[in-house]
Amino acid sequence: MCRSIKPLFNFAPPATDDEIRAAALQFVRKIAGTRKPSKQNTDAFEVAIEEIFRSSKRMLDGLVATTPPRDRAHFEAMKKLRFKKAEPR
C-alpha cells in the first residue's frame, strides 16, 4: 500500500500539492488498513488526509536543503533500474 509514497523533499521541480496529498492518502490508507472507508468512517478518513496533507506541506516548506535539488526524472530512472535488478529471473 505505501509503496507509492515517494520522497518529496529537495527535488527539481518541487513536489506539488497533488503529490503531497497522494502521499497523505496512502499513509491514511495504510494506518486505517483499508483502501476505502465505510460510509460511517468517510468523514474521519477525509479529515485525517487533510490534516496530514497540511502538516506534510508545512514540514516540506520549512525544511532547508544543504545539497542541490535532485533531478526527479533521474531519481525515478534509478529507482526503476534498482527494481529491475531485484527481480528474480
C-alpha atoms as a PDB file:
ATOM      1  CA  MET A   1       0.000   0.000   0.000  1.00  0.00           C
ATOM      2  CA  CYS A   2       2.689   2.545   0.901  1.00  0.00           C
ATOM      3  CA  ARG A   3       4.966   1.747  -1.999  1.00  0.00           C
ATOM      4  CA  SER A   4       3.572   4.709  -3.886  1.00  0.00           C
ATOM      5  CA  ILE A   5       4.682   7.188  -1.222  1.00  0.00           C
ATOM      6  CA  LYS A   6       7.731   8.825  -2.742  1.00  0.00           C
ATOM      7  CA  PRO A   7      10.359  11.113  -1.259  1.00  0.00           C
ATOM      8  CA  LEU A   8       9.125  14.653  -1.823  1.00  0.00           C
ATOM      9  CA  PHE A   9      11.872  16.874  -0.404  1.00  0.00           C
ATOM     10  CA  ASN A  10      14.669  18.584  -2.324  1.00  0.00           C
ATOM     11  CA  PHE A  11      13.610  17.756  -5.864  1.00  0.00           C
ATOM     12  CA  ALA A  12      13.538  19.834  -9.006  1.00  0.00           C
ATOM     13  CA  PRO A  13      10.800  20.516  -9.794  1.00  0.00           C
ATOM     14  CA  PRO A  14       9.435  20.709  -6.228  1.00  0.00           C
ATOM     15  CA  ALA A  15       6.626  18.449  -5.066  1.00  0.00           C
ATOM     16  CA  THR A  16       3.153  19.607  -6.000  1.00  0.00           C
ATOM     17  CA  ASP A  17       0.180  19.777  -3.652  1.00  0.00           C
ATOM     18  CA  ASP A  18      -1.303  16.811  -5.536  1.00  0.00           C
ATOM     19  CA  GLU A  19       1.796  14.708  -4.803  1.00  0.00           C
ATOM     20  CA  ILE A  20       1.728  15.663  -1.130  1.00  0.00           C
ATOM     21  CA  ARG A  21      -1.993  14.866  -0.912  1.00  0.00           C
ATOM     22  CA  ALA A  22      -1.446  11.490  -2.627  1.00  0.00           C
ATOM     23  CA  ALA A  23       1.211  10.620  -0.042  1.00  0.00           C
ATOM     24  CA  ALA A  24      -1.175  11.632   2.749  1.00  0.00           C
ATOM     25  CA  LEU A  25      -3.904   9.434   1.249  1.00  0.00           C
ATOM     26  CA  GLN A  26      -1.548   6.437   1.071  1.00  0.00           C
ATOM     27  CA  PHE A  27      -0.471   6.986   4.670  1.00  0.00           C
ATOM     28  CA  VAL A  28      -4.070   7.138   5.910  1.00  0.00           C
ATOM     29  CA  ARG A  29      -4.959   4.015   3.916  1.00  0.00           C
ATOM     30  CA  LYS A  30      -2.024   2.191   5.487  1.00  0.00           C
ATOM     31  CA  ILE A  31      -2.785   3.071   9.081  1.00  0.00           C
ATOM     32  CA  ALA A  32      -6.547   2.540   8.592  1.00  0.00           C
ATOM     33  CA  GLY A  33      -5.894  -0.833   6.994  1.00  0.00           C
ATOM     34  CA  THR A  34      -8.359  -0.149   4.210  1.00  0.00           C
ATOM     35  CA  ARG A  35      -8.288   1.348   0.753  1.00  0.00           C
ATOM     36  CA  LYS A  36     -11.761   2.820   1.031  1.00  0.00           C
ATOM     37  CA  PRO A  37     -13.512   3.675   4.298  1.00  0.00           C
ATOM     38  CA  SER A  38     -17.074   2.677   5.142  1.00  0.00           C
ATOM     39  CA  LYS A  39     -19.737   5.368   4.890  1.00  0.00           C
ATOM     40  CA  GLN A  40     -19.590   5.854   8.668  1.00  0.00           C
ATOM     41  CA  ASN A  41     -15.826   6.448   8.555  1.00  0.00           C
ATOM     42  CA  THR A  42     -15.587   8.614   5.429  1.00  0.00           C
ATOM     43  CA  ASP A  43     -15.537  11.920   7.324  1.00  0.00           C
ATOM     44  CA  ALA A  44     -12.794  10.785   9.716  1.00  0.00           C
ATOM     45  CA  PHE A  45     -10.801   9.432   6.772  1.00  0.00           C
ATOM     46  CA  GLU A  46     -11.063  12.733   4.846  1.00  0.00           C
ATOM     47  CA  VAL A  47     -10.197  14.828   7.916  1.00  0.00           C
ATOM     48  CA  ALA A  48      -7.100  12.717   8.528  1.00  0.00           C
ATOM     49  CA  ILE A  49      -5.974  13.091   4.908  1.00  0.00           C
ATOM     50  CA  GLU A  50      -6.386  16.873   5.067  1.00  0.00           C
ATOM     51  CA  GLU A  51      -4.549  17.175   8.404  1.00  0.00           C
ATOM     52  CA  ILE A  52      -1.648  15.021   7.227  1.00  0.00           C
ATOM     53  CA  PHE A  53      -1.504  16.939   3.938  1.00  0.00           C
ATOM     54  CA  ARG A  54      -1.315  20.299   5.754  1.00  0.00           C
ATOM     55  CA  SER A  55       1.250  19.022   8.229  1.00  0.00           C
ATOM     56  CA  SER A  56       3.388  17.498   5.471  1.00  0.00           C
ATOM     57  CA  LYS A  57       3.201  20.655   3.353  1.00  0.00           C
ATOM     58  CA  ARG A  58       4.206  22.794   6.335  1.00  0.00           C
ATOM     59  CA  MET A  59       7.129  20.470   7.045  1.00  0.00           C
ATOM     60  CA  LEU A  60       8.320  20.430   3.415  1.00  0.00           C
ATOM     61  CA  ASP A  61       8.065  24.230   3.245  1.00  0.00           C
ATOM     62  CA  GLY A  62      10.132  24.529   6.424  1.00  0.00           C
ATOM     63  CA  LEU A  63      12.926  22.092   5.570  1.00  0.00           C
ATOM     64  CA  VAL A  64      16.234  23.552   4.438  1.00  0.00           C
ATOM     65  CA  ALA A  65      18.307  21.667   1.888  1.00  0.00           C
ATOM     66  CA  THR A  66      22.074  21.636   2.227  1.00  0.00           C
ATOM     67  CA  THR A  67      22.559  19.923  -1.133  1.00  0.00           C
ATOM     68  CA  PRO A  68      21.436  20.872  -4.631  1.00  0.00           C
ATOM     69  CA  PRO A  69      17.966  19.651  -5.626  1.00  0.00           C
ATOM     70  CA  ARG A  70      17.841  16.149  -7.086  1.00  0.00           C
ATOM     71  CA  ASP A  71      16.563  15.682 -10.607  1.00  0.00           C
ATOM     72  CA  ARG A  72      13.205  13.934 -10.310  1.00  0.00           C
ATOM     73  CA  ALA A  73      13.439  12.151 -13.676  1.00  0.00           C
ATOM     74  CA  HIS A  74      16.905  10.801 -12.874  1.00  0.00           C
ATOM     75  CA  PHE A  75      15.756   9.653  -9.414  1.00  0.00           C
ATOM     76  CA  GLU A  76      12.798   7.740 -10.922  1.00  0.00           C
ATOM     77  CA  ALA A  77      15.003   6.155 -13.599  1.00  0.00           C
ATOM     78  CA  MET A  78      17.487   4.946 -10.975  1.00  0.00           C
ATOM     79  CA  LYS A  79      14.651   3.527  -8.870  1.00  0.00           C
ATOM     80  CA  LYS A  80      13.332   1.566 -11.870  1.00  0.00           C
ATOM     81  CA  LEU A  81      16.812   0.269 -12.575  1.00  0.00           C
ATOM     82  CA  ARG A  82      17.194  -0.941  -8.978  1.00  0.00           C
ATOM     83  CA  PHE A  83      13.779  -2.628  -9.199  1.00  0.00           C
ATOM     84  CA  LYS A  84      14.751  -4.457 -12.398  1.00  0.00           C
ATOM     85  CA  LYS A  85      17.965  -5.703 -10.791  1.00  0.00           C
ATOM     86  CA  ALA A  86      15.987  -7.010  -7.794  1.00  0.00           C
ATOM     87  CA  GLU A  87      13.504  -9.006  -9.906  1.00  0.00           C
ATOM     88  CA  PRO A  88      14.030 -12.778  -9.824  1.00  0.00           C
ATOM     89  CA  ARG A  89      14.973 -14.289 -13.158  1.00  0.00           C
END
